[in-house]
Amino acid sequence: MVKQKDAVFSAVCAVRGSTEFSSAVELTKEERSAVQASLIAGFQGGNIAFQGDATDTTKLTSYVSGLV
């Protein structure tokens, strides 16, 4: 099971195609959507540590929005 901060970093790296960042990453709307979709899938699949209800899509979407 992956920690949330590691999952966010991995998702951003996958979307950006890099693991090297010289400053804070500002995602475009499309990149942000892709990162959020990846995280939601990870939470629902049980791959990312989460103590809430991963089946409640509305709450999960709101939660993930705050992570990104």
N, C-alpha and C. Protein backbone atom coordinates (compact mmCIF):
# COMPACT_ATOMS: atom_id res chain seq x y z
N MET A 1 0.84 -1.17 0.00
CA MET A 1 0.00 0.00 0.00
C MET A 1 0.89 1.25 0.00
N VAL A 2 0.56 2.20 -0.84
CA VAL A 2 1.35 3.41 -1.03
C VAL A 2 0.82 4.53 -0.13
N LYS A 3 1.72 5.34 0.42
CA LYS A 3 1.32 6.51 1.20
C LYS A 3 0.74 7.56 0.24
N GLN A 4 -0.15 8.38 0.74
CA GLN A 4 -0.82 9.38 -0.09
C GLN A 4 0.16 10.34 -0.74
N LYS A 5 1.14 10.84 0.02
CA LYS A 5 2.08 11.81 -0.55
C LYS A 5 2.92 11.17 -1.67
N ASP A 6 3.25 9.90 -1.51
CA ASP A 6 4.00 9.20 -2.56
C ASP A 6 3.13 8.98 -3.79
N ALA A 7 1.86 8.70 -3.57
CA ALA A 7 0.94 8.50 -4.69
C ALA A 7 0.74 9.78 -5.48
N VAL A 8 0.63 10.91 -4.77
CA VAL A 8 0.49 12.21 -5.45
C VAL A 8 1.73 12.50 -6.28
N PHE A 9 2.91 12.32 -5.68
CA PHE A 9 4.16 12.56 -6.40
C PHE A 9 4.26 11.67 -7.63
N SER A 10 3.94 10.41 -7.48
CA SER A 10 4.02 9.47 -8.60
C SER A 10 3.06 9.85 -9.72
N ALA A 11 1.85 10.27 -9.34
CA ALA A 11 0.85 10.67 -10.34
C ALA A 11 1.31 11.92 -11.10
N VAL A 12 1.86 12.89 -10.37
CA VAL A 12 2.36 14.11 -11.02
C VAL A 12 3.53 13.77 -11.95
N CYS A 13 4.42 12.92 -11.49
CA CYS A 13 5.56 12.51 -12.33
C CYS A 13 5.08 11.81 -13.59
N ALA A 14 4.08 10.96 -13.47
CA ALA A 14 3.56 10.23 -14.63
C ALA A 14 2.92 11.20 -15.63
N VAL A 15 2.19 12.17 -15.12
CA VAL A 15 1.53 13.13 -16.00
C VAL A 15 2.55 14.05 -16.67
N ARG A 16 3.54 14.48 -15.91
CA ARG A 16 4.56 15.38 -16.43
C ARG A 16 5.67 14.66 -17.19
N GLY A 17 5.81 13.35 -16.99
CA GLY A 17 6.84 12.59 -17.68
C GLY A 17 8.24 12.86 -17.14
N SER A 18 8.32 13.27 -15.87
CA SER A 18 9.62 13.58 -15.28
C SER A 18 9.56 13.39 -13.78
N THR A 19 10.74 13.13 -13.19
CA THR A 19 10.83 13.06 -11.74
C THR A 19 11.69 14.19 -11.20
N GLU A 20 12.15 15.07 -12.09
CA GLU A 20 13.00 16.19 -11.70
C GLU A 20 12.24 17.50 -11.86
N PHE A 21 12.10 18.23 -10.76
CA PHE A 21 11.40 19.51 -10.78
C PHE A 21 12.27 20.54 -10.07
N SER A 22 12.52 21.67 -10.71
CA SER A 22 13.39 22.70 -10.12
C SER A 22 12.62 23.66 -9.22
N SER A 23 11.30 23.65 -9.32
CA SER A 23 10.48 24.52 -8.48
C SER A 23 9.11 23.87 -8.30
N ALA A 24 8.22 24.59 -7.64
CA ALA A 24 6.86 24.07 -7.44
C ALA A 24 6.21 23.78 -8.79
N VAL A 25 5.45 22.73 -8.84
CA VAL A 25 4.80 22.32 -10.08
C VAL A 25 3.41 22.94 -10.16
N GLU A 26 3.16 23.65 -11.24
CA GLU A 26 1.83 24.20 -11.49
C GLU A 26 1.22 23.39 -12.62
N LEU A 27 0.17 22.66 -12.31
CA LEU A 27 -0.47 21.79 -13.28
C LEU A 27 -1.52 22.55 -14.08
N THR A 28 -1.64 22.18 -15.35
CA THR A 28 -2.73 22.72 -16.16
C THR A 28 -4.02 22.03 -15.72
N LYS A 29 -5.13 22.53 -16.18
CA LYS A 29 -6.42 21.93 -15.83
C LYS A 29 -6.48 20.46 -16.25
N GLU A 30 -5.96 20.18 -17.44
CA GLU A 30 -5.96 18.81 -17.96
C GLU A 30 -5.05 17.90 -17.15
N GLU A 31 -3.87 18.42 -16.79
CA GLU A 31 -2.93 17.63 -15.99
C GLU A 31 -3.52 17.35 -14.60
N ARG A 32 -4.14 18.36 -14.02
CA ARG A 32 -4.76 18.20 -12.70
C ARG A 32 -5.84 17.13 -12.75
N SER A 33 -6.65 17.14 -13.80
CA SER A 33 -7.70 16.12 -13.96
C SER A 33 -7.11 14.73 -14.07
N ALA A 34 -6.02 14.61 -14.81
CA ALA A 34 -5.37 13.31 -14.98
C ALA A 34 -4.80 12.80 -13.66
N VAL A 35 -4.19 13.69 -12.89
CA VAL A 35 -3.64 13.32 -11.59
C VAL A 35 -4.77 12.89 -10.66
N GLN A 36 -5.84 13.66 -10.63
CA GLN A 36 -6.98 13.33 -9.76
C GLN A 36 -7.59 11.99 -10.15
N ALA A 37 -7.75 11.74 -11.45
CA ALA A 37 -8.32 10.47 -11.90
C ALA A 37 -7.44 9.29 -11.47
N SER A 38 -6.13 9.48 -11.58
CA SER A 38 -5.19 8.43 -11.17
C SER A 38 -5.30 8.15 -9.68
N LEU A 39 -5.39 9.20 -8.88
CA LEU A 39 -5.49 9.03 -7.43
C LEU A 39 -6.81 8.39 -7.03
N ILE A 40 -7.90 8.81 -7.64
CA ILE A 40 -9.20 8.22 -7.34
C ILE A 40 -9.19 6.73 -7.64
N ALA A 41 -8.63 6.37 -8.78
CA ALA A 41 -8.53 4.95 -9.15
C ALA A 41 -7.69 4.19 -8.13
N GLY A 42 -6.61 4.80 -7.66
CA GLY A 42 -5.75 4.16 -6.66
C GLY A 42 -6.45 3.97 -5.33
N PHE A 43 -7.20 4.98 -4.90
CA PHE A 43 -7.96 4.85 -3.65
C PHE A 43 -9.03 3.78 -3.78
N GLN A 44 -9.77 3.80 -4.87
CA GLN A 44 -10.85 2.83 -5.05
C GLN A 44 -10.32 1.41 -5.23
N GLY A 45 -9.12 1.29 -5.78
CA GLY A 45 -8.51 -0.02 -5.96
C GLY A 45 -7.81 -0.54 -4.72
N GLY A 46 -7.75 0.30 -3.68
CA GLY A 46 -7.10 -0.12 -2.44
C GLY A 46 -5.58 -0.04 -2.49
N ASN A 47 -5.04 0.65 -3.50
CA ASN A 47 -3.59 0.74 -3.65
C ASN A 47 -2.96 1.88 -2.87
N ILE A 48 -3.80 2.86 -2.46
CA ILE A 48 -3.32 4.03 -1.72
C ILE A 48 -3.97 4.01 -0.34
N ALA A 49 -3.16 4.26 0.68
CA ALA A 49 -3.65 4.26 2.06
C ALA A 49 -4.77 5.29 2.23
N PHE A 50 -5.90 4.83 2.75
CA PHE A 50 -7.05 5.71 2.97
C PHE A 50 -7.94 5.09 4.03
N GLN A 51 -8.30 5.88 5.03
CA GLN A 51 -9.11 5.35 6.12
C GLN A 51 -10.59 5.70 5.96
N GLY A 52 -10.94 6.46 4.93
CA GLY A 52 -12.34 6.82 4.71
C GLY A 52 -13.04 5.79 3.85
N ASP A 53 -14.21 6.20 3.35
CA ASP A 53 -15.02 5.33 2.49
C ASP A 53 -14.68 5.61 1.03
N ALA A 54 -13.88 4.74 0.44
CA ALA A 54 -13.43 4.94 -0.94
C ALA A 54 -14.53 4.67 -1.95
N THR A 55 -15.68 4.18 -1.51
CA THR A 55 -16.77 3.92 -2.44
C THR A 55 -17.67 5.14 -2.61
N ASP A 56 -17.55 6.13 -1.73
CA ASP A 56 -18.33 7.36 -1.84
C ASP A 56 -17.60 8.32 -2.78
N THR A 57 -17.95 8.25 -4.05
CA THR A 57 -17.23 8.99 -5.09
C THR A 57 -17.25 10.50 -4.86
N THR A 58 -18.36 11.04 -4.40
CA THR A 58 -18.46 12.48 -4.18
C THR A 58 -17.47 12.95 -3.12
N LYS A 59 -17.45 12.27 -1.99
CA LYS A 59 -16.52 12.65 -0.93
C LYS A 59 -15.08 12.38 -1.32
N LEU A 60 -14.85 11.29 -2.01
CA LEU A 60 -13.49 10.95 -2.45
C LEU A 60 -12.99 11.98 -3.44
N THR A 61 -13.81 12.40 -4.36
CA THR A 61 -13.42 13.41 -5.35
C THR A 61 -13.06 14.72 -4.65
N SER A 62 -13.84 15.11 -3.67
CA SER A 62 -13.56 16.33 -2.90
C SER A 62 -12.24 16.18 -2.14
N TYR A 63 -12.03 15.04 -1.54
CA TYR A 63 -10.81 14.78 -0.78
C TYR A 63 -9.57 14.85 -1.70
N VAL A 64 -9.67 14.20 -2.84
CA VAL A 64 -8.54 14.16 -3.77
C VAL A 64 -8.24 15.57 -4.31
N SER A 65 -9.28 16.35 -4.53
CA SER A 65 -9.10 17.72 -5.00
C SER A 65 -8.22 18.51 -4.03
N GLY A 66 -8.37 18.25 -2.75
CA GLY A 66 -7.57 18.92 -1.74
C GLY A 66 -6.13 18.42 -1.70
N LEU A 67 -5.90 17.23 -2.16
CA LEU A 67 -4.54 16.68 -2.17
C LEU A 67 -3.68 17.25 -3.28
N VAL A 68 -4.31 17.57 -4.39
CA VAL A 68 -3.56 17.97 -5.59
C VAL A 68 -3.33 19.46 -5.60
